Amino acid sequence: MKIFKKPKFISLVLLVLLTAGLTGCGFQVVSTNPTNGATGVDRNVIIAATFNTEANPATVNAETFLVKDSLGNPVEGTVSSSKKVATFTPQSDLAPSMDFTVTIKADVKDFLGIPMGFDYSFSFTTAESGEEEIVAGNGVVQFVDVEGGCWRIVGDNGIHYEPINLSDEFRKDGLAVQFEVKFRRDLATVCMVGTIVEIISIHQLPKDEQHQQNLSTE
């Protein structure tokens, strides 16, 4: 009986199809912090991109996670990744009132070694000097399925906040809230799903404002 080996290109096709099946529509970025077009961003922000499946950390580096200012100057910083989340920590505070563009290169690969295949870019604008210590606004509480489960508040300004003291009362995915927070640059977390903050005050928005707030942060 003759035994035939599968051509290598067939195996590669099967691997690509398997990856697409596991992730829904291929390896890609599904959310960022800050969100595209966000304004008033903390100058000490940790920039993050969340993928729809685990990334190969060896492919997430200074050559594939790029940050540039509006003049085209590269921003110096440290790139790291943990499972689905890649982060860029600037070496120093970003310049105030300036536009920045972040690019995740096509060469970033998932855990099976399949590259993303296209560049992903988003932009944001930093706050004016001295404006970013305390922030108040409306947003939606969101559960993020990383590192065993993490919570953040997605502000209507497009910024993701990771509170260190969100009480169980407000740990409800999709809950619209009004909040006031203080940035905590002295802390770090394993979640890396937003800018770390300490809640000063938080209140649930009235029911008639819940639906409208959810729409504004989608």
N, C-alpha and C. Protein backbone atom coordinates (compact mmCIF):
# COMPACT_ATOMS: atom_id res chain seq x y z
N MET A 1 0.85 -1.19 0.00
CA MET A 1 0.00 0.00 0.00
C MET A 1 0.88 1.24 0.00
N LYS A 2 0.56 2.16 -0.91
CA LYS A 2 1.33 3.39 -1.00
C LYS A 2 0.85 4.40 0.03
N ILE A 3 1.78 5.11 0.63
CA ILE A 3 1.46 6.15 1.60
C ILE A 3 1.90 7.49 1.03
N PHE A 4 0.96 8.41 0.96
CA PHE A 4 1.25 9.73 0.40
C PHE A 4 1.34 10.76 1.52
N LYS A 5 2.31 11.59 1.43
CA LYS A 5 2.45 12.69 2.38
C LYS A 5 1.66 13.89 1.91
N LYS A 6 1.05 14.61 2.86
CA LYS A 6 0.33 15.83 2.51
C LYS A 6 1.31 16.91 2.09
N PRO A 7 1.04 17.58 1.00
CA PRO A 7 1.92 18.70 0.61
C PRO A 7 1.99 19.73 1.72
N LYS A 8 3.14 20.38 1.86
CA LYS A 8 3.35 21.34 2.93
C LYS A 8 2.38 22.51 2.84
N PHE A 9 2.04 22.92 1.61
CA PHE A 9 1.16 24.07 1.48
C PHE A 9 -0.23 23.76 1.98
N ILE A 10 -0.66 22.47 1.90
CA ILE A 10 -1.97 22.09 2.43
C ILE A 10 -1.98 22.20 3.95
N SER A 11 -0.88 21.75 4.57
CA SER A 11 -0.78 21.86 6.03
C SER A 11 -0.83 23.30 6.48
N LEU A 12 -0.18 24.19 5.70
CA LEU A 12 -0.18 25.61 6.06
C LEU A 12 -1.58 26.19 5.94
N VAL A 13 -2.29 25.81 4.88
CA VAL A 13 -3.66 26.28 4.70
C VAL A 13 -4.55 25.83 5.85
N LEU A 14 -4.39 24.56 6.25
CA LEU A 14 -5.18 24.04 7.37
C LEU A 14 -4.87 24.80 8.65
N LEU A 15 -3.59 25.16 8.85
CA LEU A 15 -3.20 25.90 10.04
C LEU A 15 -3.84 27.28 10.05
N VAL A 16 -3.85 27.95 8.88
CA VAL A 16 -4.47 29.27 8.78
C VAL A 16 -5.95 29.19 9.05
N LEU A 17 -6.61 28.17 8.48
CA LEU A 17 -8.05 28.00 8.70
C LEU A 17 -8.35 27.71 10.15
N LEU A 18 -7.50 26.93 10.81
CA LEU A 18 -7.68 26.63 12.22
C LEU A 18 -7.59 27.89 13.05
N THR A 19 -6.59 28.73 12.74
CA THR A 19 -6.43 29.98 13.47
C THR A 19 -7.65 30.87 13.29
N ALA A 20 -8.13 30.99 12.07
CA ALA A 20 -9.30 31.82 11.80
C ALA A 20 -10.52 31.28 12.54
N GLY A 21 -10.62 29.98 12.65
CA GLY A 21 -11.76 29.40 13.34
C GLY A 21 -11.72 29.65 14.83
N LEU A 22 -10.50 29.62 15.39
CA LEU A 22 -10.36 29.84 16.83
C LEU A 22 -10.60 31.29 17.21
N THR A 23 -10.22 32.21 16.35
CA THR A 23 -10.28 33.62 16.70
C THR A 23 -11.50 34.34 16.13
N GLY A 24 -12.25 33.67 15.27
CA GLY A 24 -13.43 34.28 14.69
C GLY A 24 -13.15 34.83 13.31
N CYS A 25 -12.12 35.61 13.14
CA CYS A 25 -11.83 36.16 11.80
C CYS A 25 -10.35 36.49 11.67
N GLY A 26 -9.50 35.68 12.25
CA GLY A 26 -8.06 35.88 12.15
C GLY A 26 -7.50 36.75 13.25
N PHE A 27 -6.20 36.70 13.40
CA PHE A 27 -5.50 37.42 14.45
C PHE A 27 -5.55 38.92 14.19
N GLN A 28 -6.02 39.69 15.18
CA GLN A 28 -6.17 41.12 14.97
C GLN A 28 -6.29 41.87 16.30
N VAL A 29 -6.12 43.17 16.24
CA VAL A 29 -6.32 44.05 17.40
C VAL A 29 -7.82 44.29 17.56
N VAL A 30 -8.33 44.13 18.79
CA VAL A 30 -9.76 44.33 19.02
C VAL A 30 -10.06 45.56 19.88
N SER A 31 -9.06 46.06 20.62
CA SER A 31 -9.27 47.29 21.38
C SER A 31 -7.92 47.91 21.71
N THR A 32 -7.94 49.22 22.01
CA THR A 32 -6.71 49.92 22.34
C THR A 32 -6.95 50.87 23.52
N ASN A 33 -5.88 51.23 24.15
CA ASN A 33 -5.90 52.29 25.15
C ASN A 33 -4.71 53.21 24.91
N PRO A 34 -5.00 54.48 24.61
CA PRO A 34 -6.31 55.13 24.46
C PRO A 34 -7.02 54.63 23.19
N THR A 35 -8.31 54.89 23.10
CA THR A 35 -9.03 54.55 21.89
C THR A 35 -8.68 55.54 20.78
N ASN A 36 -8.94 55.15 19.56
CA ASN A 36 -8.64 56.01 18.43
C ASN A 36 -9.40 57.32 18.53
N GLY A 37 -8.68 58.44 18.41
CA GLY A 37 -9.30 59.75 18.47
C GLY A 37 -9.47 60.32 19.86
N ALA A 38 -9.00 59.61 20.89
CA ALA A 38 -9.15 60.10 22.27
C ALA A 38 -8.39 61.41 22.46
N THR A 39 -8.94 62.30 23.29
CA THR A 39 -8.31 63.58 23.60
C THR A 39 -8.15 63.72 25.11
N GLY A 40 -7.29 64.64 25.52
CA GLY A 40 -7.07 64.86 26.94
C GLY A 40 -6.42 63.67 27.63
N VAL A 41 -5.62 62.91 26.88
CA VAL A 41 -5.00 61.69 27.41
C VAL A 41 -3.86 62.04 28.37
N ASP A 42 -3.81 61.31 29.46
CA ASP A 42 -2.75 61.49 30.45
C ASP A 42 -1.38 61.38 29.78
N ARG A 43 -0.50 62.31 30.06
CA ARG A 43 0.83 62.33 29.43
C ARG A 43 1.71 61.18 29.89
N ASN A 44 1.30 60.51 30.95
CA ASN A 44 2.05 59.37 31.46
C ASN A 44 1.35 58.04 31.13
N VAL A 45 0.50 58.07 30.11
CA VAL A 45 -0.31 56.91 29.76
C VAL A 45 0.57 55.72 29.35
N ILE A 46 0.12 54.53 29.74
CA ILE A 46 0.70 53.29 29.22
C ILE A 46 -0.16 52.87 28.04
N ILE A 47 0.40 52.90 26.87
CA ILE A 47 -0.34 52.61 25.64
C ILE A 47 -0.49 51.10 25.49
N ALA A 48 -1.69 50.66 25.16
CA ALA A 48 -1.94 49.21 25.10
C ALA A 48 -2.78 48.84 23.89
N ALA A 49 -2.54 47.64 23.39
CA ALA A 49 -3.35 47.05 22.32
C ALA A 49 -3.73 45.65 22.76
N THR A 50 -5.02 45.32 22.66
CA THR A 50 -5.51 44.00 23.03
C THR A 50 -5.88 43.23 21.77
N PHE A 51 -5.35 42.01 21.65
CA PHE A 51 -5.63 41.16 20.50
C PHE A 51 -6.77 40.20 20.82
N ASN A 52 -7.33 39.58 19.79
CA ASN A 52 -8.44 38.65 20.01
C ASN A 52 -7.97 37.26 20.41
N THR A 53 -6.67 37.04 20.36
CA THR A 53 -6.11 35.79 20.86
C THR A 53 -4.68 36.06 21.31
N GLU A 54 -4.06 35.09 21.95
CA GLU A 54 -2.75 35.31 22.55
C GLU A 54 -1.69 35.59 21.49
N ALA A 55 -0.86 36.60 21.75
CA ALA A 55 0.21 36.96 20.82
C ALA A 55 1.49 36.23 21.19
N ASN A 56 2.33 36.03 20.19
CA ASN A 56 3.67 35.49 20.42
C ASN A 56 4.54 36.63 20.94
N PRO A 57 4.96 36.61 22.21
CA PRO A 57 5.68 37.75 22.79
C PRO A 57 6.99 38.07 22.09
N ALA A 58 7.58 37.08 21.43
CA ALA A 58 8.85 37.32 20.73
C ALA A 58 8.68 38.25 19.54
N THR A 59 7.44 38.38 19.07
CA THR A 59 7.19 39.24 17.90
C THR A 59 6.67 40.62 18.28
N VAL A 60 6.47 40.85 19.57
CA VAL A 60 6.00 42.16 20.05
C VAL A 60 7.20 42.89 20.63
N ASN A 61 7.72 43.84 19.90
CA ASN A 61 8.96 44.50 20.30
C ASN A 61 9.01 45.94 19.75
N ALA A 62 10.15 46.56 19.93
CA ALA A 62 10.29 47.97 19.52
C ALA A 62 10.21 48.17 18.01
N GLU A 63 10.32 47.10 17.24
CA GLU A 63 10.22 47.21 15.78
C GLU A 63 8.80 46.98 15.28
N THR A 64 7.95 46.41 16.13
CA THR A 64 6.58 46.12 15.70
C THR A 64 5.52 46.91 16.47
N PHE A 65 5.92 47.61 17.53
CA PHE A 65 5.01 48.46 18.31
C PHE A 65 5.62 49.86 18.31
N LEU A 66 5.14 50.70 17.41
CA LEU A 66 5.76 52.01 17.18
C LEU A 66 4.85 53.15 17.63
N VAL A 67 5.45 54.19 18.22
CA VAL A 67 4.72 55.39 18.62
C VAL A 67 5.49 56.60 18.09
N LYS A 68 4.77 57.49 17.40
CA LYS A 68 5.40 58.70 16.86
C LYS A 68 4.53 59.92 17.18
N ASP A 69 5.18 61.08 17.35
CA ASP A 69 4.43 62.30 17.57
C ASP A 69 4.01 62.90 16.23
N SER A 70 3.31 64.03 16.27
CA SER A 70 2.76 64.63 15.06
C SER A 70 3.84 65.15 14.11
N LEU A 71 5.08 65.26 14.61
CA LEU A 71 6.20 65.70 13.77
C LEU A 71 6.93 64.52 13.14
N GLY A 72 6.48 63.32 13.47
CA GLY A 72 7.11 62.12 12.93
C GLY A 72 8.26 61.60 13.76
N ASN A 73 8.48 62.20 14.94
CA ASN A 73 9.57 61.75 15.81
C ASN A 73 9.16 60.51 16.58
N PRO A 74 10.00 59.48 16.60
CA PRO A 74 9.66 58.27 17.37
C PRO A 74 9.74 58.54 18.87
N VAL A 75 8.85 57.92 19.61
CA VAL A 75 8.83 58.02 21.07
C VAL A 75 9.61 56.85 21.65
N GLU A 76 10.54 57.15 22.54
CA GLU A 76 11.31 56.10 23.18
C GLU A 76 10.48 55.48 24.30
N GLY A 77 10.58 54.16 24.44
CA GLY A 77 9.81 53.50 25.49
C GLY A 77 10.09 52.01 25.54
N THR A 78 9.42 51.33 26.46
CA THR A 78 9.59 49.89 26.67
C THR A 78 8.36 49.15 26.20
N VAL A 79 8.57 48.13 25.37
CA VAL A 79 7.48 47.30 24.85
C VAL A 79 7.46 45.97 25.58
N SER A 80 6.26 45.54 25.96
CA SER A 80 6.12 44.23 26.60
C SER A 80 4.78 43.63 26.20
N SER A 81 4.62 42.35 26.47
CA SER A 81 3.34 41.70 26.17
C SER A 81 3.06 40.60 27.17
N SER A 82 1.77 40.38 27.40
CA SER A 82 1.32 39.32 28.29
C SER A 82 0.03 38.75 27.72
N LYS A 83 0.13 37.57 27.17
CA LYS A 83 -1.02 36.88 26.57
C LYS A 83 -1.65 37.74 25.47
N LYS A 84 -2.84 38.27 25.69
CA LYS A 84 -3.53 39.01 24.64
C LYS A 84 -3.19 40.50 24.60
N VAL A 85 -2.44 41.00 25.57
CA VAL A 85 -2.22 42.45 25.70
C VAL A 85 -0.76 42.83 25.45
N ALA A 86 -0.55 43.79 24.56
CA ALA A 86 0.77 44.36 24.31
C ALA A 86 0.77 45.80 24.82
N THR A 87 1.85 46.22 25.45
CA THR A 87 1.91 47.57 26.02
C THR A 87 3.19 48.29 25.62
N PHE A 88 3.07 49.61 25.59
CA PHE A 88 4.21 50.50 25.34
C PHE A 88 4.25 51.51 26.47
N THR A 89 5.32 51.50 27.25
CA THR A 89 5.48 52.44 28.36
C THR A 89 6.51 53.49 27.96
N PRO A 90 6.06 54.75 27.75
CA PRO A 90 7.00 55.80 27.34
C PRO A 90 8.12 55.99 28.37
N GLN A 91 9.29 56.32 27.85
CA GLN A 91 10.45 56.54 28.71
C GLN A 91 10.25 57.75 29.62
N SER A 92 9.51 58.75 29.13
CA SER A 92 9.20 59.95 29.91
C SER A 92 7.81 60.44 29.52
N ASP A 93 7.30 61.41 30.25
CA ASP A 93 5.97 61.94 29.94
C ASP A 93 5.90 62.43 28.50
N LEU A 94 4.78 62.14 27.85
CA LEU A 94 4.58 62.62 26.49
C LEU A 94 4.39 64.13 26.49
N ALA A 95 4.69 64.76 25.37
CA ALA A 95 4.53 66.21 25.26
C ALA A 95 3.06 66.59 25.39
N PRO A 96 2.76 67.73 26.02
CA PRO A 96 1.36 68.14 26.18
C PRO A 96 0.74 68.63 24.88
N SER A 97 -0.57 68.47 24.78
CA SER A 97 -1.35 68.99 23.64
C SER A 97 -0.76 68.59 22.29
N MET A 98 -0.39 67.33 22.17
CA MET A 98 0.21 66.86 20.91
C MET A 98 -0.48 65.58 20.45
N ASP A 99 -0.55 65.43 19.13
CA ASP A 99 -1.11 64.22 18.54
C ASP A 99 -0.03 63.15 18.45
N PHE A 100 -0.43 61.91 18.75
CA PHE A 100 0.48 60.77 18.64
C PHE A 100 -0.20 59.66 17.84
N THR A 101 0.60 58.96 17.06
CA THR A 101 0.09 57.84 16.27
C THR A 101 0.81 56.56 16.67
N VAL A 102 0.03 55.53 16.91
CA VAL A 102 0.56 54.22 17.31
C VAL A 102 0.34 53.25 16.16
N THR A 103 1.37 52.48 15.84
CA THR A 103 1.25 51.48 14.77
C THR A 103 1.70 50.12 15.28
N ILE A 104 0.81 49.14 15.15
CA ILE A 104 1.14 47.74 15.42
C ILE A 104 1.42 47.10 14.06
N LYS A 105 2.63 46.65 13.85
CA LYS A 105 3.03 46.19 12.53
C LYS A 105 2.44 44.82 12.17
N ALA A 106 2.37 44.59 10.87
CA ALA A 106 1.79 43.36 10.34
C ALA A 106 2.56 42.11 10.77
N ASP A 107 3.83 42.28 11.20
CA ASP A 107 4.67 41.14 11.54
C ASP A 107 4.37 40.53 12.91
N VAL A 108 3.55 41.18 13.71
CA VAL A 108 3.17 40.58 15.00
C VAL A 108 2.42 39.28 14.74
N LYS A 109 2.80 38.23 15.46
CA LYS A 109 2.21 36.90 15.23
C LYS A 109 1.41 36.41 16.43
N ASP A 110 0.48 35.51 16.16
CA ASP A 110 -0.28 34.90 17.25
C ASP A 110 0.49 33.70 17.80
N PHE A 111 -0.12 32.97 18.74
CA PHE A 111 0.57 31.88 19.41
C PHE A 111 0.87 30.69 18.48
N LEU A 112 0.21 30.66 17.31
CA LEU A 112 0.49 29.62 16.32
C LEU A 112 1.52 30.05 15.29
N GLY A 113 1.98 31.29 15.41
CA GLY A 113 2.98 31.78 14.48
C GLY A 113 2.42 32.41 13.22
N ILE A 114 1.11 32.67 13.19
CA ILE A 114 0.49 33.30 12.04
C ILE A 114 0.54 34.82 12.20
N PRO A 115 1.13 35.55 11.24
CA PRO A 115 1.21 37.00 11.37
C PRO A 115 -0.13 37.69 11.20
N MET A 116 -0.26 38.89 11.77
CA MET A 116 -1.49 39.65 11.63
C MET A 116 -1.75 39.99 10.17
N GLY A 117 -0.68 40.28 9.43
CA GLY A 117 -0.82 40.45 8.00
C GLY A 117 -1.08 41.86 7.52
N PHE A 118 -1.33 42.79 8.42
CA PHE A 118 -1.57 44.18 8.04
C PHE A 118 -1.25 45.07 9.22
N ASP A 119 -0.84 46.30 8.94
CA ASP A 119 -0.56 47.26 10.01
C ASP A 119 -1.87 47.75 10.62
N TYR A 120 -1.84 47.99 11.93
CA TYR A 120 -3.00 48.56 12.63
C TYR A 120 -2.54 49.84 13.30
N SER A 121 -3.22 50.94 13.02
CA SER A 121 -2.82 52.23 13.59
C SER A 121 -3.99 52.92 14.28
N PHE A 122 -3.66 53.70 15.31
CA PHE A 122 -4.64 54.55 15.97
C PHE A 122 -3.93 55.78 16.51
N SER A 123 -4.70 56.83 16.77
CA SER A 123 -4.12 58.11 17.19
C SER A 123 -4.84 58.66 18.42
N PHE A 124 -4.17 59.55 19.14
CA PHE A 124 -4.76 60.22 20.29
C PHE A 124 -4.05 61.53 20.53
N THR A 125 -4.65 62.38 21.37
CA THR A 125 -4.07 63.69 21.70
C THR A 125 -3.89 63.80 23.21
N THR A 126 -2.74 64.24 23.64
CA THR A 126 -2.46 64.36 25.07
C THR A 126 -3.11 65.62 25.66
N ALA A 127 -3.25 65.59 26.97
CA ALA A 127 -3.83 66.73 27.68
C ALA A 127 -2.83 67.87 27.77
N GLU A 128 -3.36 69.05 28.05
CA GLU A 128 -2.47 70.18 28.31
C GLU A 128 -1.75 69.95 29.63
N SER A 129 -0.63 70.59 29.79
CA SER A 129 0.17 70.41 31.00
C SER A 129 -0.63 70.79 32.24
N GLY A 130 -0.62 69.87 33.23
CA GLY A 130 -1.29 70.14 34.50
C GLY A 130 -2.77 69.83 34.53
N GLU A 131 -3.34 69.35 33.40
CA GLU A 131 -4.78 69.10 33.36
C GLU A 131 -5.16 67.67 33.70
N GLU A 132 -4.19 66.76 33.77
CA GLU A 132 -4.54 65.36 33.77
C GLU A 132 -4.48 64.67 35.13
N GLU A 133 -4.23 65.39 36.24
CA GLU A 133 -4.09 64.73 37.54
C GLU A 133 -5.40 64.13 38.02
N ILE A 134 -6.49 64.87 37.90
CA ILE A 134 -7.82 64.40 38.31
C ILE A 134 -8.78 64.57 37.14
N VAL A 135 -9.54 63.53 36.85
CA VAL A 135 -10.46 63.55 35.72
C VAL A 135 -11.85 63.15 36.20
N ALA A 136 -12.87 63.85 35.71
CA ALA A 136 -14.26 63.51 36.01
C ALA A 136 -15.01 63.37 34.70
N GLY A 137 -15.98 62.47 34.68
CA GLY A 137 -16.76 62.29 33.47
C GLY A 137 -17.72 61.13 33.59
N ASN A 138 -18.29 60.75 32.46
CA ASN A 138 -19.19 59.60 32.39
C ASN A 138 -18.50 58.47 31.63
N GLY A 139 -18.93 57.25 31.89
CA GLY A 139 -18.34 56.11 31.21
C GLY A 139 -19.12 54.85 31.48
N VAL A 140 -18.57 53.74 30.99
CA VAL A 140 -19.22 52.44 31.14
C VAL A 140 -18.23 51.45 31.75
N VAL A 141 -18.67 50.74 32.78
CA VAL A 141 -17.84 49.72 33.40
C VAL A 141 -17.76 48.53 32.45
N GLN A 142 -16.57 47.97 32.31
CA GLN A 142 -16.37 46.89 31.35
C GLN A 142 -15.49 45.79 31.96
N PHE A 143 -15.93 44.54 31.77
CA PHE A 143 -15.13 43.38 32.19
C PHE A 143 -14.24 42.97 31.04
N VAL A 144 -12.96 42.73 31.33
CA VAL A 144 -12.00 42.33 30.31
C VAL A 144 -11.45 40.96 30.68
N ASP A 145 -11.57 40.02 29.77
CA ASP A 145 -11.17 38.64 30.04
C ASP A 145 -9.68 38.43 29.80
N VAL A 146 -8.87 39.03 30.65
CA VAL A 146 -7.42 38.81 30.64
C VAL A 146 -6.95 38.62 32.07
N GLU A 147 -5.87 37.86 32.24
CA GLU A 147 -5.26 37.65 33.57
C GLU A 147 -6.29 37.21 34.61
N GLY A 148 -7.23 36.35 34.22
CA GLY A 148 -8.22 35.85 35.16
C GLY A 148 -9.42 36.75 35.34
N GLY A 149 -9.45 37.87 34.62
CA GLY A 149 -10.59 38.79 34.70
C GLY A 149 -10.22 40.12 35.33
N CYS A 150 -10.41 41.20 34.58
CA CYS A 150 -10.08 42.54 35.07
C CYS A 150 -11.22 43.49 34.76
N TRP A 151 -11.26 44.61 35.49
CA TRP A 151 -12.31 45.61 35.31
C TRP A 151 -11.71 46.95 34.93
N ARG A 152 -12.41 47.67 34.07
CA ARG A 152 -12.00 49.01 33.70
C ARG A 152 -13.24 49.86 33.45
N ILE A 153 -13.03 51.16 33.37
CA ILE A 153 -14.09 52.10 32.99
C ILE A 153 -13.69 52.71 31.66
N VAL A 154 -14.57 52.58 30.67
CA VAL A 154 -14.33 53.18 29.36
C VAL A 154 -15.00 54.55 29.36
N GLY A 155 -14.20 55.61 29.43
CA GLY A 155 -14.75 56.95 29.51
C GLY A 155 -15.33 57.40 28.18
N ASP A 156 -16.27 58.33 28.23
CA ASP A 156 -16.85 58.84 26.99
C ASP A 156 -15.87 59.72 26.22
N ASN A 157 -14.68 59.93 26.80
CA ASN A 157 -13.60 60.64 26.10
C ASN A 157 -12.69 59.67 25.36
N GLY A 158 -13.05 58.37 25.39
CA GLY A 158 -12.28 57.36 24.67
C GLY A 158 -11.11 56.78 25.43
N ILE A 159 -10.94 57.17 26.70
CA ILE A 159 -9.82 56.69 27.50
C ILE A 159 -10.28 55.54 28.40
N HIS A 160 -9.42 54.52 28.51
CA HIS A 160 -9.69 53.39 29.40
C HIS A 160 -9.01 53.64 30.75
N TYR A 161 -9.78 53.53 31.82
CA TYR A 161 -9.25 53.71 33.17
C TYR A 161 -9.32 52.38 33.92
N GLU A 162 -8.22 51.99 34.55
CA GLU A 162 -8.20 50.78 35.36
C GLU A 162 -8.18 51.17 36.84
N PRO A 163 -9.34 51.12 37.49
CA PRO A 163 -9.41 51.57 38.89
C PRO A 163 -8.88 50.51 39.85
N ILE A 164 -8.14 50.95 40.87
CA ILE A 164 -7.59 50.02 41.85
C ILE A 164 -8.58 49.75 42.97
N ASN A 165 -9.67 50.53 43.02
CA ASN A 165 -10.59 50.41 44.15
C ASN A 165 -12.05 50.39 43.70
N LEU A 166 -12.33 49.70 42.61
CA LEU A 166 -13.71 49.57 42.15
C LEU A 166 -14.43 48.55 43.01
N SER A 167 -15.45 48.98 43.73
CA SER A 167 -16.15 48.09 44.66
C SER A 167 -17.04 47.11 43.91
N ASP A 168 -17.40 46.01 44.59
CA ASP A 168 -18.23 44.97 43.98
C ASP A 168 -19.57 45.53 43.48
N GLU A 169 -20.05 46.55 44.13
CA GLU A 169 -21.33 47.16 43.76
C GLU A 169 -21.33 47.66 42.31
N PHE A 170 -20.16 48.07 41.83
CA PHE A 170 -20.07 48.64 40.49
C PHE A 170 -19.40 47.69 39.50
N ARG A 171 -19.11 46.47 39.94
CA ARG A 171 -18.50 45.50 39.03
C ARG A 171 -19.60 44.79 38.24
N LYS A 172 -20.20 45.54 37.33
CA LYS A 172 -21.27 45.03 36.47
C LYS A 172 -20.97 45.46 35.04
N ASP A 173 -20.71 44.49 34.20
CA ASP A 173 -20.35 44.79 32.81
C ASP A 173 -21.46 45.56 32.12
N GLY A 174 -21.11 46.72 31.56
CA GLY A 174 -22.08 47.54 30.85
C GLY A 174 -22.77 48.59 31.71
N LEU A 175 -22.40 48.68 32.99
CA LEU A 175 -23.02 49.65 33.88
C LEU A 175 -22.53 51.06 33.56
N ALA A 176 -23.45 51.97 33.30
CA ALA A 176 -23.09 53.37 33.00
C ALA A 176 -22.92 54.13 34.31
N VAL A 177 -21.82 54.86 34.43
CA VAL A 177 -21.50 55.54 35.69
C VAL A 177 -20.99 56.95 35.44
N GLN A 178 -21.07 57.75 36.49
CA GLN A 178 -20.42 59.05 36.54
C GLN A 178 -19.30 58.92 37.56
N PHE A 179 -18.11 59.41 37.23
CA PHE A 179 -16.96 59.13 38.10
C PHE A 179 -16.00 60.31 38.17
N GLU A 180 -15.20 60.28 39.22
CA GLU A 180 -14.07 61.19 39.37
C GLU A 180 -12.90 60.34 39.84
N VAL A 181 -11.77 60.44 39.14
CA VAL A 181 -10.63 59.59 39.45
C VAL A 181 -9.34 60.41 39.51
N LYS A 182 -8.38 59.84 40.21
CA LYS A 182 -7.06 60.44 40.32
C LYS A 182 -6.04 59.46 39.74
N PHE A 183 -5.15 59.95 38.90
CA PHE A 183 -4.14 59.09 38.30
C PHE A 183 -3.13 58.62 39.35
N ARG A 184 -2.77 57.32 39.27
CA ARG A 184 -1.80 56.73 40.19
C ARG A 184 -0.59 56.25 39.40
N ARG A 185 0.35 57.15 39.17
CA ARG A 185 1.53 56.81 38.40
C ARG A 185 2.52 55.95 39.18
N ASP A 186 2.29 55.85 40.49
CA ASP A 186 3.21 55.10 41.34
C ASP A 186 2.89 53.61 41.38
N LEU A 187 1.83 53.19 40.68
CA LEU A 187 1.38 51.80 40.75
C LEU A 187 1.46 51.12 39.40
N ALA A 188 1.49 49.78 39.44
CA ALA A 188 1.43 48.96 38.23
C ALA A 188 0.56 47.74 38.53
N THR A 189 -0.06 47.18 37.50
CA THR A 189 -0.91 46.01 37.67
C THR A 189 -0.56 44.97 36.61
N VAL A 190 -1.06 43.74 36.82
CA VAL A 190 -0.84 42.68 35.83
C VAL A 190 -1.85 42.76 34.70
N CYS A 191 -2.95 43.47 34.92
CA CYS A 191 -4.01 43.52 33.92
C CYS A 191 -3.64 44.34 32.69
N MET A 192 -3.12 45.52 32.91
CA MET A 192 -2.71 46.42 31.82
C MET A 192 -3.85 46.68 30.84
N VAL A 193 -5.04 46.99 31.38
CA VAL A 193 -6.20 47.24 30.52
C VAL A 193 -6.62 48.70 30.51
N GLY A 194 -5.79 49.56 31.08
CA GLY A 194 -6.12 50.98 31.10
C GLY A 194 -5.13 51.75 31.95
N THR A 195 -5.31 53.05 31.98
CA THR A 195 -4.49 53.91 32.83
C THR A 195 -4.91 53.70 34.29
N ILE A 196 -3.95 53.45 35.15
CA ILE A 196 -4.26 53.12 36.55
C ILE A 196 -4.73 54.37 37.28
N VAL A 197 -5.88 54.24 37.94
CA VAL A 197 -6.47 55.36 38.66
C VAL A 197 -7.03 54.90 40.00
N GLU A 198 -7.24 55.87 40.86
CA GLU A 198 -7.93 55.64 42.14
C GLU A 198 -9.25 56.41 42.09
N ILE A 199 -10.33 55.72 42.37
CA ILE A 199 -11.65 56.36 42.31
C ILE A 199 -11.84 57.28 43.52
N ILE A 200 -12.19 58.52 43.23
CA ILE A 200 -12.53 59.49 44.28
C ILE A 200 -14.02 59.40 44.57
N SER A 201 -14.82 59.35 43.52
CA SER A 201 -16.27 59.17 43.67
C SER A 201 -16.82 58.48 42.43
N ILE A 202 -17.90 57.72 42.61
CA ILE A 202 -18.52 57.04 41.49
C ILE A 202 -20.00 56.84 41.80
N HIS A 203 -20.83 57.06 40.79
CA HIS A 203 -22.28 56.91 40.97
C HIS A 203 -22.87 56.28 39.71
N GLN A 204 -23.87 55.44 39.91
CA GLN A 204 -24.56 54.86 38.77
C GLN A 204 -25.46 55.91 38.14
N LEU A 205 -25.43 56.00 36.81
CA LEU A 205 -26.29 56.95 36.12
C LEU A 205 -27.74 56.49 36.17
N PRO A 206 -28.70 57.42 36.16
CA PRO A 206 -30.11 57.05 36.14
C PRO A 206 -30.43 56.14 34.95
N LYS A 207 -31.44 55.32 35.08
CA LYS A 207 -31.78 54.34 34.04
C LYS A 207 -32.03 54.99 32.69
N ASP A 208 -32.61 56.18 32.68
CA ASP A 208 -32.92 56.82 31.40
C ASP A 208 -31.66 57.31 30.68
N GLU A 209 -30.52 57.33 31.41
CA GLU A 209 -29.26 57.74 30.79
C GLU A 209 -28.37 56.54 30.47
N GLN A 210 -28.75 55.34 30.96
CA GLN A 210 -27.93 54.16 30.77
C GLN A 210 -27.75 53.83 29.29
N HIS A 211 -28.86 53.74 28.56
CA HIS A 211 -28.81 53.34 27.15
C HIS A 211 -28.01 54.35 26.33
N GLN A 212 -28.23 55.62 26.56
CA GLN A 212 -27.53 56.66 25.81
C GLN A 212 -26.03 56.60 26.07
N GLN A 213 -25.62 56.34 27.32
CA GLN A 213 -24.20 56.27 27.64
C GLN A 213 -23.55 55.05 27.00
N ASN A 214 -24.26 53.92 26.99
CA ASN A 214 -23.72 52.73 26.35
C ASN A 214 -23.48 52.95 24.87
N LEU A 215 -24.39 53.66 24.22
CA LEU A 215 -24.23 53.95 22.79
C LEU A 215 -23.04 54.84 22.52
N SER A 216 -22.79 55.80 23.42
CA SER A 216 -21.73 56.79 23.20
C SER A 216 -20.35 56.18 23.35
N THR A 217 -20.21 55.03 24.05
CA THR A 217 -18.91 54.42 24.25
C THR A 217 -18.68 53.22 23.37
N GLU A 218 -19.63 52.88 22.52
CA GLU A 218 -19.47 51.73 21.62
C GLU A 218 -18.52 52.07 20.49
